[in-house]
Amino acid sequence: MLQSCFLSWVRSVAQLSAGEIVAID
């Protein structure tokens, strides 16, 4: 639930554009 709130905030402040590198580690 805490992450769901975090994701809501991240999506409000950043729009990932085409070609954005999303690194998973």
mmCIF file of all heavy atoms, coordinates in Angstrom:
data_MODEL
# 
_entry.id   MODEL 
# 
loop_
_atom_site.group_PDB 
_atom_site.id 
_atom_site.type_symbol 
_atom_site.label_atom_id 
_atom_site.label_alt_id 
_atom_site.label_comp_id 
_atom_site.label_asym_id 
_atom_site.label_entity_id 
_atom_site.label_seq_id 
_atom_site.pdbx_PDB_ins_code 
_atom_site.Cartn_x 
_atom_site.Cartn_y 
_atom_site.Cartn_z 
_atom_site.occupancy 
_atom_site.B_iso_or_equiv 
_atom_site.pdbx_formal_charge 
_atom_site.auth_seq_id 
_atom_site.auth_comp_id 
_atom_site.auth_asym_id 
_atom_site.auth_atom_id 
_atom_site.pdbx_PDB_model_num 
ATOM 1   N N   . MET A 1 1  ? 0.835  -1.207 0.000   1.00 0.00 ? 1  MET A N   1 
ATOM 2   C CA  . MET A 1 1  ? 0.000  0.000  0.000   1.00 0.00 ? 1  MET A CA  1 
ATOM 3   C C   . MET A 1 1  ? 0.868  1.255  0.000   1.00 0.00 ? 1  MET A C   1 
ATOM 4   O O   . MET A 1 1  ? 0.550  2.239  -0.672  1.00 0.00 ? 1  MET A O   1 
ATOM 5   C CB  . MET A 1 1  ? -0.912 -0.006 1.226   1.00 0.00 ? 1  MET A CB  1 
ATOM 6   C CG  . MET A 1 1  ? -1.992 -1.066 1.189   1.00 0.00 ? 1  MET A CG  1 
ATOM 7   S SD  . MET A 1 1  ? -3.085 -0.968 2.637   1.00 0.00 ? 1  MET A SD  1 
ATOM 8   C CE  . MET A 1 1  ? -4.210 -2.338 2.281   1.00 0.00 ? 1  MET A CE  1 
ATOM 9   N N   . LEU A 1 2  ? 1.960  1.222  0.769   1.00 0.00 ? 2  LEU A N   1 
ATOM 10  C CA  . LEU A 1 2  ? 2.857  2.372  0.789   1.00 0.00 ? 2  LEU A CA  1 
ATOM 11  C C   . LEU A 1 2  ? 3.467  2.593  -0.588  1.00 0.00 ? 2  LEU A C   1 
ATOM 12  O O   . LEU A 1 2  ? 3.570  3.728  -1.065  1.00 0.00 ? 2  LEU A O   1 
ATOM 13  C CB  . LEU A 1 2  ? 3.957  2.165  1.834   1.00 0.00 ? 2  LEU A CB  1 
ATOM 14  C CG  . LEU A 1 2  ? 4.827  3.391  2.140   1.00 0.00 ? 2  LEU A CG  1 
ATOM 15  C CD1 . LEU A 1 2  ? 4.000  4.504  2.772   1.00 0.00 ? 2  LEU A CD1 1 
ATOM 16  C CD2 . LEU A 1 2  ? 5.988  3.023  3.057   1.00 0.00 ? 2  LEU A CD2 1 
ATOM 17  N N   . GLN A 1 3  ? 3.847  1.497  -1.257  1.00 0.00 ? 3  GLN A N   1 
ATOM 18  C CA  . GLN A 1 3  ? 4.399  1.620  -2.605  1.00 0.00 ? 3  GLN A CA  1 
ATOM 19  C C   . GLN A 1 3  ? 3.361  2.153  -3.575  1.00 0.00 ? 3  GLN A C   1 
ATOM 20  O O   . GLN A 1 3  ? 3.687  2.929  -4.480  1.00 0.00 ? 3  GLN A O   1 
ATOM 21  C CB  . GLN A 1 3  ? 4.930  0.280  -3.101  1.00 0.00 ? 3  GLN A CB  1 
ATOM 22  C CG  . GLN A 1 3  ? 5.151  0.214  -4.615  1.00 0.00 ? 3  GLN A CG  1 
ATOM 23  C CD  . GLN A 1 3  ? 6.478  -0.357 -5.018  1.00 0.00 ? 3  GLN A CD  1 
ATOM 24  O OE1 . GLN A 1 3  ? 7.526  0.257  -4.845  1.00 0.00 ? 3  GLN A OE1 1 
ATOM 25  N NE2 . GLN A 1 3  ? 6.440  -1.550 -5.562  1.00 0.00 ? 3  GLN A NE2 1 
ATOM 26  N N   . SER A 1 4  ? 2.105  1.760  -3.404  1.00 0.00 ? 4  SER A N   1 
ATOM 27  C CA  . SER A 1 4  ? 1.047  2.269  -4.275  1.00 0.00 ? 4  SER A CA  1 
ATOM 28  C C   . SER A 1 4  ? 0.952  3.786  -4.176  1.00 0.00 ? 4  SER A C   1 
ATOM 29  O O   . SER A 1 4  ? 0.801  4.480  -5.192  1.00 0.00 ? 4  SER A O   1 
ATOM 30  C CB  . SER A 1 4  ? -0.291 1.625  -3.896  1.00 0.00 ? 4  SER A CB  1 
ATOM 31  O OG  . SER A 1 4  ? -1.328 2.117  -4.710  1.00 0.00 ? 4  SER A OG  1 
ATOM 32  N N   . CYS A 1 5  ? 1.073  4.321  -2.974  1.00 0.00 ? 5  CYS A N   1 
ATOM 33  C CA  . CYS A 1 5  ? 1.078  5.778  -2.788  1.00 0.00 ? 5  CYS A CA  1 
ATOM 34  C C   . CYS A 1 5  ? 2.314  6.391  -3.445  1.00 0.00 ? 5  CYS A C   1 
ATOM 35  O O   . CYS A 1 5  ? 2.230  7.449  -4.090  1.00 0.00 ? 5  CYS A O   1 
ATOM 36  C CB  . CYS A 1 5  ? 1.052  6.115  -1.304  1.00 0.00 ? 5  CYS A CB  1 
ATOM 37  S SG  . CYS A 1 5  ? -0.407 5.531  -0.411  1.00 0.00 ? 5  CYS A SG  1 
ATOM 38  N N   . PHE A 1 6  ? 3.450  5.737  -3.274  1.00 0.00 ? 6  PHE A N   1 
ATOM 39  C CA  . PHE A 1 6  ? 4.698  6.203  -3.875  1.00 0.00 ? 6  PHE A CA  1 
ATOM 40  C C   . PHE A 1 6  ? 4.578  6.257  -5.397  1.00 0.00 ? 6  PHE A C   1 
ATOM 41  O O   . PHE A 1 6  ? 4.959  7.242  -6.041  1.00 0.00 ? 6  PHE A O   1 
ATOM 42  C CB  . PHE A 1 6  ? 5.831  5.268  -3.453  1.00 0.00 ? 6  PHE A CB  1 
ATOM 43  C CG  . PHE A 1 6  ? 7.139  5.507  -4.147  1.00 0.00 ? 6  PHE A CG  1 
ATOM 44  C CD1 . PHE A 1 6  ? 7.981  6.537  -3.766  1.00 0.00 ? 6  PHE A CD1 1 
ATOM 45  C CD2 . PHE A 1 6  ? 7.546  4.684  -5.196  1.00 0.00 ? 6  PHE A CD2 1 
ATOM 46  C CE1 . PHE A 1 6  ? 9.190  6.753  -4.405  1.00 0.00 ? 6  PHE A CE1 1 
ATOM 47  C CE2 . PHE A 1 6  ? 8.751  4.889  -5.840  1.00 0.00 ? 6  PHE A CE2 1 
ATOM 48  C CZ  . PHE A 1 6  ? 9.574  5.924  -5.446  1.00 0.00 ? 6  PHE A CZ  1 
ATOM 49  N N   . LEU A 1 7  ? 4.026  5.186  -5.988  1.00 0.00 ? 7  LEU A N   1 
ATOM 50  C CA  . LEU A 1 7  ? 3.874  5.134  -7.449  1.00 0.00 ? 7  LEU A CA  1 
ATOM 51  C C   . LEU A 1 7  ? 2.944  6.235  -7.935  1.00 0.00 ? 7  LEU A C   1 
ATOM 52  O O   . LEU A 1 7  ? 3.179  6.844  -8.988  1.00 0.00 ? 7  LEU A O   1 
ATOM 53  C CB  . LEU A 1 7  ? 3.348  3.764  -7.870  1.00 0.00 ? 7  LEU A CB  1 
ATOM 54  C CG  . LEU A 1 7  ? 4.296  2.581  -7.680  1.00 0.00 ? 7  LEU A CG  1 
ATOM 55  C CD1 . LEU A 1 7  ? 3.559  1.265  -7.883  1.00 0.00 ? 7  LEU A CD1 1 
ATOM 56  C CD2 . LEU A 1 7  ? 5.463  2.670  -8.646  1.00 0.00 ? 7  LEU A CD2 1 
ATOM 57  N N   . SER A 1 8  ? 1.876  6.484  -7.179  1.00 0.00 ? 8  SER A N   1 
ATOM 58  C CA  . SER A 1 8  ? 0.956  7.557  -7.544  1.00 0.00 ? 8  SER A CA  1 
ATOM 59  C C   . SER A 1 8  ? 1.686  8.890  -7.602  1.00 0.00 ? 8  SER A C   1 
ATOM 60  O O   . SER A 1 8  ? 1.494  9.692  -8.526  1.00 0.00 ? 8  SER A O   1 
ATOM 61  C CB  . SER A 1 8  ? -0.189 7.618  -6.524  1.00 0.00 ? 8  SER A CB  1 
ATOM 62  O OG  . SER A 1 8  ? -0.992 8.760  -6.727  1.00 0.00 ? 8  SER A OG  1 
ATOM 63  N N   . TRP A 1 9  ? 2.540  9.129  -6.620  1.00 0.00 ? 9  TRP A N   1 
ATOM 64  C CA  . TRP A 1 9  ? 3.307  10.378 -6.594  1.00 0.00 ? 9  TRP A CA  1 
ATOM 65  C C   . TRP A 1 9  ? 4.306  10.447 -7.742  1.00 0.00 ? 9  TRP A C   1 
ATOM 66  O O   . TRP A 1 9  ? 4.398  11.469 -8.432  1.00 0.00 ? 9  TRP A O   1 
ATOM 67  C CB  . TRP A 1 9  ? 4.024  10.517 -5.256  1.00 0.00 ? 9  TRP A CB  1 
ATOM 68  C CG  . TRP A 1 9  ? 5.027  11.629 -5.256  1.00 0.00 ? 9  TRP A CG  1 
ATOM 69  C CD1 . TRP A 1 9  ? 4.766  12.958 -5.361  1.00 0.00 ? 9  TRP A CD1 1 
ATOM 70  C CD2 . TRP A 1 9  ? 6.454  11.497 -5.187  1.00 0.00 ? 9  TRP A CD2 1 
ATOM 71  N NE1 . TRP A 1 9  ? 5.947  13.677 -5.353  1.00 0.00 ? 9  TRP A NE1 1 
ATOM 72  C CE2 . TRP A 1 9  ? 6.991  12.805 -5.248  1.00 0.00 ? 9  TRP A CE2 1 
ATOM 73  C CE3 . TRP A 1 9  ? 7.309  10.413 -5.065  1.00 0.00 ? 9  TRP A CE3 1 
ATOM 74  C CZ2 . TRP A 1 9  ? 8.360  13.044 -5.206  1.00 0.00 ? 9  TRP A CZ2 1 
ATOM 75  C CZ3 . TRP A 1 9  ? 8.669  10.639 -5.012  1.00 0.00 ? 9  TRP A CZ3 1 
ATOM 76  C CH2 . TRP A 1 9  ? 9.194  11.951 -5.086  1.00 0.00 ? 9  TRP A CH2 1 
ATOM 77  N N   . VAL A 1 10 ? 5.061  9.367  -7.970  1.00 0.00 ? 10 VAL A N   1 
ATOM 78  C CA  . VAL A 1 10 ? 6.059  9.365  -9.046  1.00 0.00 ? 10 VAL A CA  1 
ATOM 79  C C   . VAL A 1 10 ? 5.400  9.663  -10.383 1.00 0.00 ? 10 VAL A C   1 
ATOM 80  O O   . VAL A 1 10 ? 5.916  10.451 -11.189 1.00 0.00 ? 10 VAL A O   1 
ATOM 81  C CB  . VAL A 1 10 ? 6.803  8.014  -9.086  1.00 0.00 ? 10 VAL A CB  1 
ATOM 82  C CG1 . VAL A 1 10 ? 7.615  7.888  -10.383 1.00 0.00 ? 10 VAL A CG1 1 
ATOM 83  C CG2 . VAL A 1 10 ? 7.729  7.870  -7.891  1.00 0.00 ? 10 VAL A CG2 1 
ATOM 84  N N   . ARG A 1 11 ? 4.252  9.053  -10.631 1.00 0.00 ? 11 ARG A N   1 
ATOM 85  C CA  . ARG A 1 11 ? 3.567  9.277  -11.909 1.00 0.00 ? 11 ARG A CA  1 
ATOM 86  C C   . ARG A 1 11 ? 3.078  10.701 -12.055 1.00 0.00 ? 11 ARG A C   1 
ATOM 87  O O   . ARG A 1 11 ? 2.892  11.194 -13.170 1.00 0.00 ? 11 ARG A O   1 
ATOM 88  C CB  . ARG A 1 11 ? 2.407  8.294  -12.044 1.00 0.00 ? 11 ARG A CB  1 
ATOM 89  C CG  . ARG A 1 11 ? 2.870  6.851  -12.271 1.00 0.00 ? 11 ARG A CG  1 
ATOM 90  C CD  . ARG A 1 11 ? 1.746  5.866  -12.092 1.00 0.00 ? 11 ARG A CD  1 
ATOM 91  N NE  . ARG A 1 11 ? 2.233  4.491  -12.237 1.00 0.00 ? 11 ARG A NE  1 
ATOM 92  C CZ  . ARG A 1 11 ? 1.617  3.424  -11.774 1.00 0.00 ? 11 ARG A CZ  1 
ATOM 93  N NH1 . ARG A 1 11 ? 0.468  3.562  -11.127 1.00 0.00 ? 11 ARG A NH1 1 
ATOM 94  N NH2 . ARG A 1 11 ? 2.126  2.220  -11.946 1.00 0.00 ? 11 ARG A NH2 1 
ATOM 95  N N   . SER A 1 12 ? 2.874  11.371 -10.927 1.00 0.00 ? 12 SER A N   1 
ATOM 96  C CA  . SER A 1 12 ? 2.412  12.765 -10.982 1.00 0.00 ? 12 SER A CA  1 
ATOM 97  C C   . SER A 1 12 ? 3.545  13.734 -11.269 1.00 0.00 ? 12 SER A C   1 
ATOM 98  O O   . SER A 1 12 ? 3.303  14.858 -11.713 1.00 0.00 ? 12 SER A O   1 
ATOM 99  C CB  . SER A 1 12 ? 1.722  13.149 -9.667  1.00 0.00 ? 12 SER A CB  1 
ATOM 100 O OG  . SER A 1 12 ? 2.665  13.347 -8.629  1.00 0.00 ? 12 SER A OG  1 
ATOM 101 N N   . VAL A 1 13 ? 4.782  13.335 -10.995 1.00 0.00 ? 13 VAL A N   1 
ATOM 102 C CA  . VAL A 1 13 ? 5.909  14.256 -11.156 1.00 0.00 ? 13 VAL A CA  1 
ATOM 103 C C   . VAL A 1 13 ? 6.784  13.916 -12.357 1.00 0.00 ? 13 VAL A C   1 
ATOM 104 O O   . VAL A 1 13 ? 7.649  14.712 -12.730 1.00 0.00 ? 13 VAL A O   1 
ATOM 105 C CB  . VAL A 1 13 ? 6.795  14.298 -9.886  1.00 0.00 ? 13 VAL A CB  1 
ATOM 106 C CG1 . VAL A 1 13 ? 5.995  14.803 -8.705  1.00 0.00 ? 13 VAL A CG1 1 
ATOM 107 C CG2 . VAL A 1 13 ? 7.412  12.936 -9.589  1.00 0.00 ? 13 VAL A CG2 1 
ATOM 108 N N   . ALA A 1 14 ? 6.582  12.753 -12.971 1.00 0.00 ? 14 ALA A N   1 
ATOM 109 C CA  . ALA A 1 14 ? 7.437  12.374 -14.100 1.00 0.00 ? 14 ALA A CA  1 
ATOM 110 C C   . ALA A 1 14 ? 6.645  11.580 -15.119 1.00 0.00 ? 14 ALA A C   1 
ATOM 111 O O   . ALA A 1 14 ? 5.900  10.661 -14.765 1.00 0.00 ? 14 ALA A O   1 
ATOM 112 C CB  . ALA A 1 14 ? 8.625  11.538 -13.613 1.00 0.00 ? 14 ALA A CB  1 
ATOM 113 N N   . GLN A 1 15 ? 6.793  11.955 -16.363 1.00 0.00 ? 15 GLN A N   1 
ATOM 114 C CA  . GLN A 1 15 ? 6.206  11.216 -17.473 1.00 0.00 ? 15 GLN A CA  1 
ATOM 115 C C   . GLN A 1 15 ? 7.348  10.581 -18.248 1.00 0.00 ? 15 GLN A C   1 
ATOM 116 O O   . GLN A 1 15 ? 8.176  11.280 -18.840 1.00 0.00 ? 15 GLN A O   1 
ATOM 117 C CB  . GLN A 1 15 ? 5.407  12.156 -18.391 1.00 0.00 ? 15 GLN A CB  1 
ATOM 118 C CG  . GLN A 1 15 ? 4.720  11.449 -19.550 1.00 0.00 ? 15 GLN A CG  1 
ATOM 119 C CD  . GLN A 1 15 ? 3.594  10.530 -19.085 1.00 0.00 ? 15 GLN A CD  1 
ATOM 120 O OE1 . GLN A 1 15 ? 2.813  10.904 -18.216 1.00 0.00 ? 15 GLN A OE1 1 
ATOM 121 N NE2 . GLN A 1 15 ? 3.522  9.351  -19.658 1.00 0.00 ? 15 GLN A NE2 1 
ATOM 122 N N   . LEU A 1 16 ? 7.418  9.247  -18.230 1.00 0.00 ? 16 LEU A N   1 
ATOM 123 C CA  . LEU A 1 16 ? 8.509  8.568  -18.921 1.00 0.00 ? 16 LEU A CA  1 
ATOM 124 C C   . LEU A 1 16 ? 8.317  8.710  -20.421 1.00 0.00 ? 16 LEU A C   1 
ATOM 125 O O   . LEU A 1 16 ? 7.284  8.335  -20.965 1.00 0.00 ? 16 LEU A O   1 
ATOM 126 C CB  . LEU A 1 16 ? 8.562  7.088  -18.527 1.00 0.00 ? 16 LEU A CB  1 
ATOM 127 C CG  . LEU A 1 16 ? 8.761  6.783  -17.044 1.00 0.00 ? 16 LEU A CG  1 
ATOM 128 C CD1 . LEU A 1 16 ? 8.983  5.296  -16.837 1.00 0.00 ? 16 LEU A CD1 1 
ATOM 129 C CD2 . LEU A 1 16 ? 9.929  7.571  -16.472 1.00 0.00 ? 16 LEU A CD2 1 
ATOM 130 N N   . SER A 1 17 ? 9.323  9.246  -21.081 1.00 0.00 ? 17 SER A N   1 
ATOM 131 C CA  . SER A 1 17 ? 9.247  9.465  -22.518 1.00 0.00 ? 17 SER A CA  1 
ATOM 132 C C   . SER A 1 17 ? 9.739  8.242  -23.268 1.00 0.00 ? 17 SER A C   1 
ATOM 133 O O   . SER A 1 17 ? 10.382 7.349  -22.705 1.00 0.00 ? 17 SER A O   1 
ATOM 134 C CB  . SER A 1 17 ? 10.087 10.690 -22.902 1.00 0.00 ? 17 SER A CB  1 
ATOM 135 O OG  . SER A 1 17 ? 11.429 10.511 -22.481 1.00 0.00 ? 17 SER A OG  1 
ATOM 136 N N   . ALA A 1 18 ? 9.431  8.194  -24.558 1.00 0.00 ? 18 ALA A N   1 
ATOM 137 C CA  . ALA A 1 18 ? 9.889  7.086  -25.391 1.00 0.00 ? 18 ALA A CA  1 
ATOM 138 C C   . ALA A 1 18 ? 11.411 7.033  -25.372 1.00 0.00 ? 18 ALA A C   1 
ATOM 139 O O   . ALA A 1 18 ? 12.081 8.052  -25.503 1.00 0.00 ? 18 ALA A O   1 
ATOM 140 C CB  . ALA A 1 18 ? 9.381  7.265  -26.820 1.00 0.00 ? 18 ALA A CB  1 
ATOM 141 N N   . GLY A 1 19 ? 11.937 5.833  -25.187 1.00 0.00 ? 19 GLY A N   1 
ATOM 142 C CA  . GLY A 1 19 ? 13.378 5.662  -25.143 1.00 0.00 ? 19 GLY A CA  1 
ATOM 143 C C   . GLY A 1 19 ? 13.981 5.780  -23.762 1.00 0.00 ? 19 GLY A C   1 
ATOM 144 O O   . GLY A 1 19 ? 15.196 5.612  -23.606 1.00 0.00 ? 19 GLY A O   1 
ATOM 145 N N   . GLU A 1 20 ? 13.167 6.073  -22.737 1.00 0.00 ? 20 GLU A N   1 
ATOM 146 C CA  . GLU A 1 20 ? 13.668 6.140  -21.363 1.00 0.00 ? 20 GLU A CA  1 
ATOM 147 C C   . GLU A 1 20 ? 14.276 4.799  -20.971 1.00 0.00 ? 20 GLU A C   1 
ATOM 148 O O   . GLU A 1 20 ? 13.704 3.738  -21.209 1.00 0.00 ? 20 GLU A O   1 
ATOM 149 C CB  . GLU A 1 20 ? 12.531 6.477  -20.407 1.00 0.00 ? 20 GLU A CB  1 
ATOM 150 C CG  . GLU A 1 20 ? 12.888 6.413  -18.928 1.00 0.00 ? 20 GLU A CG  1 
ATOM 151 C CD  . GLU A 1 20 ? 13.705 7.613  -18.470 1.00 0.00 ? 20 GLU A CD  1 
ATOM 152 O OE1 . GLU A 1 20 ? 13.134 8.712  -18.341 1.00 0.00 ? 20 GLU A OE1 1 
ATOM 153 O OE2 . GLU A 1 20 ? 14.910 7.427  -18.232 1.00 0.00 ? 20 GLU A OE2 1 
ATOM 154 N N   . ILE A 1 21 ? 15.484 4.842  -20.400 1.00 0.00 ? 21 ILE A N   1 
ATOM 155 C CA  . ILE A 1 21 ? 16.144 3.638  -19.916 1.00 0.00 ? 21 ILE A CA  1 
ATOM 156 C C   . ILE A 1 21 ? 15.666 3.363  -18.494 1.00 0.00 ? 21 ILE A C   1 
ATOM 157 O O   . ILE A 1 21 ? 15.855 4.197  -17.607 1.00 0.00 ? 21 ILE A O   1 
ATOM 158 C CB  . ILE A 1 21 ? 17.677 3.763  -19.931 1.00 0.00 ? 21 ILE A CB  1 
ATOM 159 C CG1 . ILE A 1 21 ? 18.177 4.251  -21.294 1.00 0.00 ? 21 ILE A CG1 1 
ATOM 160 C CG2 . ILE A 1 21 ? 18.326 2.430  -19.541 1.00 0.00 ? 21 ILE A CG2 1 
ATOM 161 C CD1 . ILE A 1 21 ? 17.893 3.339  -22.438 1.00 0.00 ? 21 ILE A CD1 1 
ATOM 162 N N   . VAL A 1 22 ? 15.040 2.213  -18.296 1.00 0.00 ? 22 VAL A N   1 
ATOM 163 C CA  . VAL A 1 22 ? 14.604 1.798  -16.963 1.00 0.00 ? 22 VAL A CA  1 
ATOM 164 C C   . VAL A 1 22 ? 15.506 0.649  -16.524 1.00 0.00 ? 22 VAL A C   1 
ATOM 165 O O   . VAL A 1 22 ? 15.421 -0.462 -17.046 1.00 0.00 ? 22 VAL A O   1 
ATOM 166 C CB  . VAL A 1 22 ? 13.129 1.353  -16.959 1.00 0.00 ? 22 VAL A CB  1 
ATOM 167 C CG1 . VAL A 1 22 ? 12.731 0.842  -15.573 1.00 0.00 ? 22 VAL A CG1 1 
ATOM 168 C CG2 . VAL A 1 22 ? 12.222 2.504  -17.389 1.00 0.00 ? 22 VAL A CG2 1 
ATOM 169 N N   . ALA A 1 23 ? 16.399 0.942  -15.602 1.00 0.00 ? 23 ALA A N   1 
ATOM 170 C CA  . ALA A 1 23 ? 17.363 -0.051 -15.123 1.00 0.00 ? 23 ALA A CA  1 
ATOM 171 C C   . ALA A 1 23 ? 16.780 -0.779 -13.919 1.00 0.00 ? 23 ALA A C   1 
ATOM 172 O O   . ALA A 1 23 ? 16.280 -0.157 -12.985 1.00 0.00 ? 23 ALA A O   1 
ATOM 173 C CB  . ALA A 1 23 ? 18.679 0.620  -14.750 1.00 0.00 ? 23 ALA A CB  1 
ATOM 174 N N   . ILE A 1 24 ? 16.860 -2.102 -13.951 1.00 0.00 ? 24 ILE A N   1 
ATOM 175 C CA  . ILE A 1 24 ? 16.397 -2.941 -12.852 1.00 0.00 ? 24 ILE A CA  1 
ATOM 176 C C   . ILE A 1 24 ? 17.620 -3.590 -12.210 1.00 0.00 ? 24 ILE A C   1 
ATOM 177 O O   . ILE A 1 24 ? 18.417 -4.240 -12.893 1.00 0.00 ? 24 ILE A O   1 
ATOM 178 C CB  . ILE A 1 24 ? 15.438 -4.040 -13.336 1.00 0.00 ? 24 ILE A CB  1 
ATOM 179 C CG1 . ILE A 1 24 ? 14.300 -3.448 -14.183 1.00 0.00 ? 24 ILE A CG1 1 
ATOM 180 C CG2 . ILE A 1 24 ? 14.901 -4.843 -12.162 1.00 0.00 ? 24 ILE A CG2 1 
ATOM 181 C CD1 . ILE A 1 24 ? 13.327 -2.607 -13.433 1.00 0.00 ? 24 ILE A CD1 1 
ATOM 182 N N   . ASP A 1 25 ? 17.758 -3.424 -10.897 1.00 0.00 ? 25 ASP A N   1 
ATOM 183 C CA  . ASP A 1 25 ? 18.933 -3.985 -10.228 1.00 0.00 ? 25 ASP A CA  1 
ATOM 184 C C   . ASP A 1 25 ? 18.611 -4.217 -8.756  1.00 0.00 ? 25 ASP A C   1 
ATOM 185 O O   . ASP A 1 25 ? 17.724 -3.576 -8.189  1.00 0.00 ? 25 ASP A O   1 
ATOM 186 C CB  . ASP A 1 25 ? 20.127 -3.033 -10.365 1.00 0.00 ? 25 ASP A CB  1 
ATOM 187 C CG  . ASP A 1 25 ? 21.449 -3.718 -10.048 1.00 0.00 ? 25 ASP A CG  1 
ATOM 188 O OD1 . ASP A 1 25 ? 21.593 -4.911 -10.369 1.00 0.00 ? 25 ASP A OD1 1 
ATOM 189 O OD2 . ASP A 1 25 ? 22.335 -3.059 -9.480  1.00 0.00 ? 25 ASP A OD2 1 
# 
